[in-house]
PDB file of N, CA and C in Angstrom:
ATOM      1  N   MET A   1       0.875  -1.192  -0.145  1.00  0.00           N
ATOM      2  CA  MET A   1      -0.017  -0.190  -0.108  1.00  0.00           C
ATOM      3  C   MET A   1       0.891   1.119   0.161  1.00  0.00           C
ATOM      4  N   SER A   2       0.564   2.069  -0.686  1.00  0.00           N
ATOM      5  CA  SER A   2       1.348   3.431  -0.902  1.00  0.00           C
ATOM      6  C   SER A   2       1.233   4.244   0.374  1.00  0.00           C
ATOM      7  N   LYS A   3       2.217   5.154   0.640  1.00  0.00           N
ATOM      8  CA  LYS A   3       2.141   6.092   1.670  1.00  0.00           C
ATOM      9  C   LYS A   3       0.867   7.115   1.538  1.00  0.00           C
ATOM     10  N   LYS A   4       0.593   7.384   0.475  1.00  0.00           N
ATOM     11  CA  LYS A   4      -0.564   8.373   0.084  1.00  0.00           C
ATOM     12  C   LYS A   4      -1.933   7.708   0.600  1.00  0.00           C
ATOM     13  N   LYS A   5      -1.947   6.495   0.117  1.00  0.00           N
ATOM     14  CA  LYS A   5      -3.189   5.739   0.624  1.00  0.00           C
ATOM     15  C   LYS A   5      -3.337   5.654   2.056  1.00  0.00           C
ATOM     16  N   LYS A   6      -2.176   5.295   2.691  1.00  0.00           N
ATOM     17  CA  LYS A   6      -2.204   5.032   4.188  1.00  0.00           C
ATOM     18  C   LYS A   6      -2.677   6.363   4.882  1.00  0.00           C
ATOM     19  N   GLU A   7      -2.166   7.473   4.418  1.00  0.00           N
ATOM     20  CA  GLU A   7      -2.419   8.703   5.047  1.00  0.00           C
ATOM     21  C   GLU A   7      -4.008   9.004   4.784  1.00  0.00           C
ATOM     22  N   GLU A   8      -4.511   8.710   3.628  1.00  0.00           N
ATOM     23  CA  GLU A   8      -5.823   8.857   3.461  1.00  0.00           C
ATOM     24  C   GLU A   8      -6.903   8.153   4.259  1.00  0.00           C
ATOM     25  N   GLU A   9      -6.311   6.894   4.597  1.00  0.00           N
ATOM     26  CA  GLU A   9      -7.045   5.843   5.428  1.00  0.00           C
ATOM     27  C   GLU A   9      -7.091   6.400   6.884  1.00  0.00           C
ATOM     28  N   MET A  10      -5.916   6.907   7.264  1.00  0.00           N
ATOM     29  CA  MET A  10      -5.531   7.364   8.655  1.00  0.00           C
ATOM     30  C   MET A  10      -6.597   8.573   9.006  1.00  0.00           C
ATOM     31  N   VAL A  11      -6.691   9.480   8.138  1.00  0.00           N
ATOM     32  CA  VAL A  11      -7.589  10.705   8.251  1.00  0.00           C
ATOM     33  C   VAL A  11      -9.072  10.451   7.998  1.00  0.00           C
ATOM     34  N   LEU A  12      -9.786  10.222   9.088  1.00  0.00           N
ATOM     35  CA  LEU A  12     -11.156  10.018   8.995  1.00  0.00           C
ATOM     36  C   LEU A  12     -11.878  11.396   9.198  1.00  0.00           C
ATOM     37  N   CYS A  13     -11.329  12.163  10.145  1.00  0.00           N
ATOM     38  CA  CYS A  13     -12.082  13.316  10.464  1.00  0.00           C
ATOM     39  C   CYS A  13     -12.010  14.488   9.442  1.00  0.00           C
ATOM     40  N   PRO A  14     -13.149  15.090   9.135  1.00  0.00           N
ATOM     41  CA  PRO A  14     -12.949  15.949   8.073  1.00  0.00           C
ATOM     42  C   PRO A  14     -12.204  17.228   8.134  1.00  0.00           C
ATOM     43  N   VAL A  15     -12.038  17.713   9.483  1.00  0.00           N
ATOM     44  CA  VAL A  15     -11.173  18.751   9.913  1.00  0.00           C
ATOM     45  C   VAL A  15      -9.700  18.221   9.593  1.00  0.00           C
ATOM     46  N   GLY A  16      -9.493  16.890  10.033  1.00  0.00           N
ATOM     47  CA  GLY A  16      -7.995  16.726   9.880  1.00  0.00           C
ATOM     48  C   GLY A  16      -7.830  16.478   8.366  1.00  0.00           C
ATOM     49  N   LYS A  17      -8.694  16.147   7.562  1.00  0.00           N
ATOM     50  CA  LYS A  17      -8.439  15.938   6.061  1.00  0.00           C
ATOM     51  C   LYS A  17      -8.230  17.291   5.495  1.00  0.00           C
ATOM     52  N   PHE A  18      -9.083  18.230   5.919  1.00  0.00           N
ATOM     53  CA  PHE A  18      -8.953  19.527   5.361  1.00  0.00           C
ATOM     54  C   PHE A  18      -7.484  20.152   5.608  1.00  0.00           C
ATOM     55  N   PHE A  19      -7.106  20.057   6.931  1.00  0.00           N
ATOM     56  CA  PHE A  19      -5.515  20.424   7.127  1.00  0.00           C
ATOM     57  C   PHE A  19      -4.609  19.762   6.265  1.00  0.00           C
ATOM     58  N   LEU A  20      -4.827  18.394   6.131  1.00  0.00           N
ATOM     59  CA  LEU A  20      -3.937  17.689   5.458  1.00  0.00           C
ATOM     60  C   LEU A  20      -3.880  18.054   3.978  1.00  0.00           C
ATOM     61  N   ASP A  21      -5.058  18.265   3.457  1.00  0.00           N
ATOM     62  CA  ASP A  21      -5.080  18.798   2.094  1.00  0.00           C
ATOM     63  C   ASP A  21      -4.525  20.198   1.845  1.00  0.00           C
ATOM     64  N   LEU A  22      -4.711  21.059   2.703  1.00  0.00           N
ATOM     65  CA  LEU A  22      -4.130  22.402   2.684  1.00  0.00           C
ATOM     66  C   LEU A  22      -2.477  22.283   2.869  1.00  0.00           C
ATOM     67  N   GLN A  23      -2.032  21.453   3.742  1.00  0.00           N
ATOM     68  CA  GLN A  23      -0.743  21.070   3.907  1.00  0.00           C
ATOM     69  C   GLN A  23       0.016  20.742   2.673  1.00  0.00           C
ATOM     70  N   LYS A  24      -0.682  19.717   2.008  1.00  0.00           N
ATOM     71  CA  LYS A  24      -0.149  19.357   0.771  1.00  0.00           C
ATOM     72  C   LYS A  24      -0.043  20.245  -0.431  1.00  0.00           C
ATOM     73  N   ALA A  25      -1.087  21.126  -0.635  1.00  0.00           N
ATOM     74  CA  ALA A  25      -1.264  22.059  -1.483  1.00  0.00           C
ATOM     75  C   ALA A  25      -0.152  23.175  -1.213  1.00  0.00           C
ATOM     76  N   SER A  26       0.412  23.682  -0.050  1.00  0.00           N
ATOM     77  CA  SER A  26       1.113  24.810   0.336  1.00  0.00           C
ATOM     78  C   SER A  26       2.648  24.416   0.232  1.00  0.00           C
ATOM     79  N   GLY A  27       2.872  23.347   0.598  1.00  0.00           N
ATOM     80  CA  GLY A  27       4.299  23.044   0.825  1.00  0.00           C
ATOM     81  C   GLY A  27       4.718  23.291   2.094  1.00  0.00           C
ATOM     82  N   LYS A  28       5.786  22.646   2.605  1.00  0.00           N
ATOM     83  CA  LYS A  28       6.160  22.884   4.047  1.00  0.00           C
ATOM     84  C   LYS A  28       7.033  23.973   4.265  1.00  0.00           C
ATOM     85  N   LYS A  29       7.584  24.639   3.240  1.00  0.00           N
ATOM     86  CA  LYS A  29       8.498  25.732   3.629  1.00  0.00           C
ATOM     87  C   LYS A  29       7.697  27.200   3.435  1.00  0.00           C
ATOM     88  N   SER A  30       6.477  27.098   3.058  1.00  0.00           N
ATOM     89  CA  SER A  30       5.628  28.460   2.867  1.00  0.00           C
ATOM     90  C   SER A  30       5.334  28.998   4.307  1.00  0.00           C
ATOM     91  N   GLU A  31       5.044  30.356   4.181  1.00  0.00           N
ATOM     92  CA  GLU A  31       4.463  31.078   5.183  1.00  0.00           C
ATOM     93  C   GLU A  31       2.977  30.384   5.434  1.00  0.00           C
ATOM     94  N   PHE A  32       2.346  30.039   4.543  1.00  0.00           N
ATOM     95  CA  PHE A  32       1.185  29.653   4.552  1.00  0.00           C
ATOM     96  C   PHE A  32       1.169  28.435   5.478  1.00  0.00           C
ATOM     97  N   PHE A  33       1.914  27.470   5.288  1.00  0.00           N
ATOM     98  CA  PHE A  33       2.345  26.361   6.165  1.00  0.00           C
ATOM     99  C   PHE A  33       2.385  26.632   7.641  1.00  0.00           C
ATOM    100  N   ASP A  34       3.046  27.837   7.896  1.00  0.00           N
ATOM    101  CA  ASP A  34       3.423  28.142   9.289  1.00  0.00           C
ATOM    102  C   ASP A  34       2.086  28.780   9.900  1.00  0.00           C
ATOM    103  N   HIS A  35       1.293  29.433   9.312  1.00  0.00           N
ATOM    104  CA  HIS A  35       0.108  29.846   9.708  1.00  0.00           C
ATOM    105  C   HIS A  35      -0.835  28.726   9.962  1.00  0.00           C
ATOM    106  N   LEU A  36      -0.875  27.771   9.053  1.00  0.00           N
ATOM    107  CA  LEU A  36      -1.598  26.492   9.266  1.00  0.00           C
ATOM    108  C   LEU A  36      -1.069  25.835  10.423  1.00  0.00           C
ATOM    109  N   SER A  37      -0.087  25.512  10.679  1.00  0.00           N
ATOM    110  CA  SER A  37       0.336  24.928  11.815  1.00  0.00           C
ATOM    111  C   SER A  37      -0.035  25.545  13.069  1.00  0.00           C
ATOM    112  N   ARG A  38       0.020  26.906  13.086  1.00  0.00           N
ATOM    113  CA  ARG A  38      -0.475  27.625  14.313  1.00  0.00           C
ATOM    114  C   ARG A  38      -1.966  27.543  14.547  1.00  0.00           C
ATOM    115  N   SER A  39      -2.600  27.344  13.257  1.00  0.00           N
ATOM    116  CA  SER A  39      -4.158  27.530  13.509  1.00  0.00           C
ATOM    117  C   SER A  39      -4.544  26.011  13.866  1.00  0.00           C
ATOM    118  N   ARG A  40      -3.820  25.162  13.696  1.00  0.00           N
ATOM    119  CA  ARG A  40      -4.165  23.732  14.061  1.00  0.00           C
ATOM    120  C   ARG A  40      -4.016  23.708  15.797  1.00  0.00           C
ATOM    121  N   VAL A  41      -3.147  24.322  16.222  1.00  0.00           N
ATOM    122  CA  VAL A  41      -2.870  24.290  17.762  1.00  0.00           C
ATOM    123  C   VAL A  41      -3.976  25.146  18.287  1.00  0.00           C
ATOM    124  N   GLN A  42      -4.308  26.324  17.575  1.00  0.00           N
ATOM    125  CA  GLN A  42      -5.517  27.180  18.184  1.00  0.00           C
ATOM    126  C   GLN A  42      -6.788  26.308  18.167  1.00  0.00           C
ATOM    127  N   PHE A  43      -7.029  25.599  17.160  1.00  0.00           N
ATOM    128  CA  PHE A  43      -8.152  24.740  16.892  1.00  0.00           C
ATOM    129  C   PHE A  43      -8.403  23.640  18.019  1.00  0.00           C
ATOM    130  N   LEU A  44      -7.205  23.099  18.157  1.00  0.00           N
ATOM    131  CA  LEU A  44      -7.253  22.233  19.384  1.00  0.00           C
ATOM    132  C   LEU A  44      -7.491  22.803  20.777  1.00  0.00           C
ATOM    133  N   LYS A  45      -6.962  23.863  20.820  1.00  0.00           N
ATOM    134  CA  LYS A  45      -7.143  24.823  22.261  1.00  0.00           C
ATOM    135  C   LYS A  45      -8.647  24.817  22.359  1.00  0.00           C
ATOM    136  N   VAL A  46      -9.237  25.234  21.195  1.00  0.00           N
ATOM    137  CA  VAL A  46     -10.841  25.592  21.323  1.00  0.00           C
ATOM    138  C   VAL A  46     -11.647  24.498  21.570  1.00  0.00           C
ATOM    139  N   ILE A  47     -11.193  23.327  21.012  1.00  0.00           N
ATOM    140  CA  ILE A  47     -11.903  21.962  21.310  1.00  0.00           C
ATOM    141  C   ILE A  47     -11.909  21.756  22.807  1.00  0.00           C
ATOM    142  N   ARG A  48     -10.395  21.826  23.149  1.00  0.00           N
ATOM    143  CA  ARG A  48     -10.200  21.546  24.731  1.00  0.00           C
ATOM    144  C   ARG A  48     -10.989  22.504  25.532  1.00  0.00           C
ATOM    145  N   SER A  49     -11.145  23.816  25.403  1.00  0.00           N
ATOM    146  CA  SER A  49     -11.848  24.648  26.193  1.00  0.00           C
ATOM    147  C   SER A  49     -13.541  24.171  26.095  1.00  0.00           C
ATOM    148  N   LEU A  50     -13.885  23.883  25.070  1.00  0.00           N
ATOM    149  CA  LEU A  50     -15.260  23.242  24.953  1.00  0.00           C
ATOM    150  C   LEU A  50     -15.422  22.140  25.839  1.00  0.00           C
ATOM    151  N   VAL A  51     -14.601  21.297  25.668  1.00  0.00           N
ATOM    152  CA  VAL A  51     -14.591  19.910  26.439  1.00  0.00           C
ATOM    153  C   VAL A  51     -14.583  20.280  27.933  1.00  0.00           C
ATOM    154  N   ASP A  52     -13.675  21.161  28.390  1.00  0.00           N
ATOM    155  CA  ASP A  52     -13.473  21.594  29.789  1.00  0.00           C
ATOM    156  C   ASP A  52     -14.768  22.259  30.394  1.00  0.00           C
ATOM    157  N   GLU A  53     -15.442  23.109  29.347  1.00  0.00           N
ATOM    158  CA  GLU A  53     -16.625  23.768  29.844  1.00  0.00           C
ATOM    159  C   GLU A  53     -17.777  22.704  29.939  1.00  0.00           C
ATOM    160  N   LYS A  54     -17.964  21.537  29.150  1.00  0.00           N
ATOM    161  CA  LYS A  54     -18.907  20.658  29.265  1.00  0.00           C
ATOM    162  C   LYS A  54     -18.701  19.709  30.568  1.00  0.00           C
ATOM    163  N   ILE A  55     -17.365  19.577  30.797  1.00  0.00           N
ATOM    164  CA  ILE A  55     -17.216  18.630  32.159  1.00  0.00           C
ATOM    165  C   ILE A  55     -17.720  19.565  33.281  1.00  0.00           C
ATOM    166  N   ASP A  56     -17.127  20.756  33.294  1.00  0.00           N
ATOM    167  CA  ASP A  56     -17.697  21.596  34.477  1.00  0.00           C
ATOM    168  C   ASP A  56     -19.003  21.585  34.556  1.00  0.00           C
ATOM    169  N   ASP A  57     -19.699  21.699  33.359  1.00  0.00           N
ATOM    170  CA  ASP A  57     -21.339  21.645  33.360  1.00  0.00           C
ATOM    171  C   ASP A  57     -21.912  20.399  34.034  1.00  0.00           C
ATOM    172  N   ILE A  58     -21.400  19.383  33.633  1.00  0.00           N
ATOM    173  CA  ILE A  58     -21.781  17.970  34.095  1.00  0.00           C
ATOM    174  C   ILE A  58     -21.467  17.897  35.591  1.00  0.00           C
ATOM    175  N   GLU A  59     -20.477  18.375  36.027  1.00  0.00           N
ATOM    176  CA  GLU A  59     -20.013  18.165  37.508  1.00  0.00           C
ATOM    177  C   GLU A  59     -20.855  19.057  38.203  1.00  0.00           C
ATOM    178  N   LYS A  60     -21.321  20.295  37.728  1.00  0.00           N
ATOM    179  CA  LYS A  60     -22.165  21.129  38.681  1.00  0.00           C
ATOM    180  C   LYS A  60     -23.547  20.586  38.695  1.00  0.00           C
ATOM    181  N   LYS A  61     -23.994  19.919  37.493  1.00  0.00           N
ATOM    182  CA  LYS A  61     -25.283  19.424  37.607  1.00  0.00           C
ATOM    183  C   LYS A  61     -25.381  18.253  38.542  1.00  0.00           C
ATOM    184  N   SER A  62     -24.233  17.471  38.571  1.00  0.00           N
ATOM    185  CA  SER A  62     -23.995  16.210  39.352  1.00  0.00           C
ATOM    186  C   SER A  62     -24.078  16.600  40.845  1.00  0.00           C
ATOM    187  N   ALA A  63     -23.364  17.706  41.241  1.00  0.00           N
ATOM    188  CA  ALA A  63     -23.347  18.138  42.523  1.00  0.00           C
ATOM    189  C   ALA A  63     -24.677  18.631  43.038  1.00  0.00           C
ATOM    190  N   LYS A  64     -25.333  19.352  42.006  1.00  0.00           N
ATOM    191  CA  LYS A  64     -26.734  19.910  42.640  1.00  0.00           C
ATOM    192  C   LYS A  64     -27.658  18.827  42.804  1.00  0.00           C
ATOM    193  N   GLY A  65     -27.543  17.533  42.049  1.00  0.00           N
ATOM    194  CA  GLY A  65     -28.419  16.537  42.091  1.00  0.00           C
ATOM    195  C   GLY A  65     -28.329  15.755  43.460  1.00  0.00           C
ATOM    196  N   LYS A  66     -27.158  15.731  44.014  1.00  0.00           N
ATOM    197  CA  LYS A  66     -26.874  14.933  45.309  1.00  0.00           C
ATOM    198  C   LYS A  66     -27.673  15.628  46.541  1.00  0.00           C
ATOM    199  N   LYS A  67     -28.275  14.832  47.204  1.00  0.00           N
ATOM    200  CA  LYS A  67     -28.982  15.170  48.411  1.00  0.00           C
ATOM    201  C   LYS A  67     -28.197  14.849  49.697  1.00  0.00           C
ATOM    202  N   LYS A  68     -28.122  15.718  50.513  1.00  0.00           N
ATOM    203  CA  LYS A  68     -27.440  15.255  51.763  1.00  0.00           C
ATOM    204  C   LYS A  68     -28.231  14.419  52.633  1.00  0.00           C
ATOM    205  N   VAL A  69     -27.525  13.521  53.118  1.00  0.00           N
ATOM    206  CA  VAL A  69     -28.352  12.662  54.103  1.00  0.00           C
ATOM    207  C   VAL A  69     -28.126  13.107  55.509  1.00  0.00           C
ATOM    208  N   THR A  70     -29.128  13.151  56.148  1.00  0.00           N
ATOM    209  CA  THR A  70     -29.354  13.563  57.661  1.00  0.00           C
ATOM    210  C   THR A  70     -29.718  12.307  58.373  1.00  0.00           C
ATOM    211  N   LYS A  71     -28.705  12.169  59.227  1.00  0.00           N
ATOM    212  CA  LYS A  71     -28.756  11.000  60.299  1.00  0.00           C
ATOM    213  C   LYS A  71     -29.841  11.456  61.338  1.00  0.00           C
ATOM    214  N   ILE A  72     -30.951  10.478  61.565  1.00  0.00           N
ATOM    215  CA  ILE A  72     -31.992  10.647  62.457  1.00  0.00           C
ATOM    216  C   ILE A  72     -31.980   9.604  63.255  1.00  0.00           C
ATOM    217  N   LYS A  73     -31.823   9.865  64.729  1.00  0.00           N
ATOM    218  CA  LYS A  73     -31.843   9.074  65.698  1.00  0.00           C
ATOM    219  C   LYS A  73     -33.184   8.623  66.061  1.00  0.00           C
ATOM    220  N   VAL A  74     -33.372   7.312  65.892  1.00  0.00           N
ATOM    221  CA  VAL A  74     -34.664   6.681  66.289  1.00  0.00           C
ATOM    222  C   VAL A  74     -34.558   5.889  67.688  1.00  0.00           C
ATOM    223  N   GLU A  75     -35.596   6.287  68.420  1.00  0.00           N
ATOM    224  CA  GLU A  75     -35.698   5.570  69.945  1.00  0.00           C
ATOM    225  C   GLU A  75     -36.651   4.281  69.834  1.00  0.00           C
TER     226      GLU A  75
END
Protein backbone atom coordinates (compact mmCIF):
# COMPACT_ATOMS: atom_id res chain seq x y z
CA MET A 1 0.00 0.00 0.00
CA SER A 2 1.35 3.42 -0.89
CA LYS A 3 2.15 6.10 1.69
CA LYS A 4 -0.51 8.39 0.20
CA LYS A 5 -3.17 5.70 0.53
CA LYS A 6 -2.18 5.03 4.16
CA GLU A 7 -2.47 8.75 5.01
CA GLU A 8 -5.90 8.97 3.42
CA GLU A 9 -7.10 5.96 5.38
CA MET A 10 -5.72 7.32 8.66
CA VAL A 11 -7.51 10.66 8.37
CA LEU A 12 -11.19 10.05 9.00
CA CYS A 13 -12.02 13.40 10.53
CA PRO A 14 -13.12 15.98 7.93
CA VAL A 15 -11.24 18.74 9.75
CA GLY A 16 -8.05 16.67 9.78
CA LYS A 17 -8.49 15.90 6.10
CA PHE A 18 -8.98 19.60 5.39
CA PHE A 19 -5.71 20.50 7.15
CA LEU A 20 -3.87 17.64 5.44
CA ASP A 21 -5.09 18.76 2.00
CA LEU A 22 -4.07 22.36 2.68
CA GLN A 23 -0.66 21.23 3.90
CA LYS A 24 -0.09 19.21 0.73
CA ALA A 25 -1.17 22.12 -1.48
CA SER A 26 1.04 24.72 0.20
CA GLY A 27 4.35 22.97 0.75
CA LYS A 28 6.15 22.78 4.09
CA LYS A 29 8.47 25.76 3.59
CA SER A 30 5.81 28.38 2.91
CA GLU A 31 4.50 31.12 5.19
CA PHE A 32 1.06 29.61 4.63
CA PHE A 33 2.23 26.35 6.21
CA ASP A 34 3.46 28.23 9.29
CA HIS A 35 0.06 29.88 9.71
CA LEU A 36 -1.68 26.57 9.12
CA SER A 37 0.40 24.86 11.81
CA ARG A 38 -0.41 27.58 14.33
CA SER A 39 -4.10 27.44 13.43
CA ARG A 40 -4.16 23.71 14.18
CA VAL A 41 -2.90 24.41 17.67
CA GLN A 42 -5.53 27.11 18.16
CA PHE A 43 -8.25 24.81 16.85
CA LEU A 44 -7.26 22.11 19.34
CA LYS A 45 -7.23 24.65 22.17
CA VAL A 46 -10.77 25.68 21.23
CA ILE A 47 -11.90 22.06 21.32
CA ARG A 48 -10.17 21.59 24.69
CA SER A 49 -11.94 24.64 26.14
CA LEU A 50 -15.31 23.33 24.94
CA VAL A 51 -14.65 19.92 26.48
CA ASP A 52 -13.51 21.50 29.77
CA GLU A 53 -16.63 23.67 29.85
CA LYS A 54 -18.89 20.66 29.26
CA ILE A 55 -17.12 18.69 32.01
CA ASP A 56 -17.66 21.60 34.43
CA ASP A 57 -21.37 21.75 33.51
CA ILE A 58 -21.79 18.02 34.07
CA GLU A 59 -19.98 18.18 37.42
CA LYS A 60 -22.11 21.12 38.58
CA LYS A 61 -25.33 19.34 37.61
CA SER A 62 -24.11 16.22 39.38
CA ALA A 63 -23.31 18.19 42.55
CA LYS A 64 -26.75 19.88 42.52
CA GLY A 65 -28.52 16.55 42.17
CA LYS A 66 -26.93 15.04 45.27
CA LYS A 67 -29.06 15.25 48.36
CA LYS A 68 -27.45 15.42 51.73
CA VAL A 69 -28.23 12.61 54.09
CA THR A 70 -29.31 13.56 57.57
CA LYS A 71 -28.87 11.01 60.29
CA ILE A 72 -31.98 10.67 62.45
CA LYS A 73 -31.79 9.04 65.81
CA VAL A 74 -34.68 6.63 66.30
CA GLU A 75 -35.60 5.51 69.79
